[in-house]
Amino acid sequence: MDKFTKIAQLKDVSALRGRLAQLNLDVPVDDAILTAAAGSPLDTKLSVGTFEVGNRWCIHPMEGWDAQADGRPSALTLRRWRRFGQSGAKWIWGGEAAAVVPEARANPRQTLATTENGPGLAQLRDAVEKAHLEKFGNVDDLLVGLQLTHSGRFSQPTDRGPEPRIAYHHPLLDPRFGISKGDASVLTDTELEGLIEQFVRAARLAAEVGFRFVDVKACHGYLIHELLGGHTRPGPYGGAFSGRVRTLAEIIRGIRRDVPDLIIGVRISAFDSVPYTTGAEGIGQPAEYAELLPYRYGFGISSSDPVEADLSETIQLLHTLRDLGVHTINVSCGSPYYCPHLQRPAIFPPSDGYLPPEDPLCGVARQIEMARICKEACPELPMVGSGYSYLQDYLPQVAQAVIRNGWIDAVGLGRMVLSYPEMPSDTLREGITKRKKICRTFSDCTTAPRGGIVSGCYPLDEHYHHLPEAVQLATLKKEVSARRAKGQKDS
């Protein structure tokens, strides 16, 4: 871990450019943070469907592990949404990953997009809009949506433990997550047909309670993403590309039919990888896959070299979604469960992760480049980029540059907004960032929910720092550190 220069050690933009050059990475960086008054590219408006978004900052959806047991928002959930509203970002992409049925939850405290929780969803939308109105004076250019999800392989709807529902058996992921070779966990075609209708019902509900758009989540190893890689699944929902995209396409057609005025987005994992494991000295390494070639267990992945991306089907998917009437795409990659260094570049891994096998700047640059390729391939679709938080102090300078260059249309913030929700506002109003609030990618916001603790920024958000759960998290981290030290010693 120590061999990688930490971003906090880079004293200025020149030092960052020097490090990027050492790594042979093509990432544009502006000299300074520009305010709105100085013509920041991040302050320009963007048309999404029939809506004009006020600026190019976007807040990504997250799972807080902090809703009520019945899916209603808790005080912590509402606080997070109020902070989204106070951020200055004009695009709230889902804000929350909301499960369309209880059994689709990734954790027992995930928000639900069900009829019973309609009032709770309305509370979330109301919280973000009221906070934004109070701080910025109007919400006419604030686009707020709800992400709809089914956690599939990573479903854990109760405290009893994982209850996976999978698209197909995966020879590397099944044994890792305790899935047997029997078919009990594989969703049938009939069950998928029922879930298509559940997604459509959830979209109708989102529109009824005032959300302007929905995101049909197709990323990070969850169900719809896994279906996109279902080459080995037989029947109408697998095999050829037309079958693998069928579930997503039918959901979109259903939403267009029932809620024609609702804006539709899709967050995709544009590329993937074989799962990674913890190797020598705790460093991540790809699982053995030589006997599985040609590799047929993923999407946006090379069948001959599955640690490398292949965007040919990704671009085909973008064209398909455009033709189906999707209005916007959020470009992510991989999965936090089996290749987190690709999906969420960081120096410090979560409790169930591994030390990064590459400088995390490589992961940032890869996501920026792949999103640029997607944008070039389908320029008519507004696209949001991901993977920027590791840039830390220099995030705004890179965000400005990629927007100006047309590599992407908006820049999304995920874990950064947990510690520093005001970054969009501070940059556009004052041309500054507040160093003490900047996320340093300690991964506590992931380690906590992996241990059944509510997610949040425990190191930098005073509210979480003083919660009783902070003590639980500290104990958990000590246990993880001891295990890692022992593992490294044994290796």
Foldseek 3Di string as FASTA:
>chain_A
DVVFDALVPQPAPVSVVVVCVVVVFDFDFFRFQAAVVRPFQQQDWDDFPNAIARGFEEAEADWFLQAPLVQARDPVLLVQLLLLLQQQGQYYAQNYAAELDLQQALESRGHHLYPVRLVRLLSSVVSSQVSNCVNPPHNRNRAHEREYFGQAQRGDNDPPDDLHAAQDDDPQVCVVRVHDPDCPRYDDPVNLVVVLVSLLVSQVSRVVSPHQAYEHEQEAPGHLQQLCLQCVRDDQCHNDNNNSCVSVLSSLLSNCVPPVRHAYEYEHAQWEAAFWDQDALQETDHDDCVVCALPRRGHQAHSHHRRDGHRPVVLVVVVVCVVSPHRAYEYFHYHCVGCVCLGANAQARALRGTGYPDRSVVSQSVQLVSLLVSCVSPVNHAYEGDHQQSSWQRSSRSQSVCCVVSSHPHYYDYQQCLQPSNVNVCSNPPRHDDNLSRDNPNCLQPNQVVVSHGGGPCVRDVVNVPDPSVVVSVVSVVVSVVVSVVVNVVD
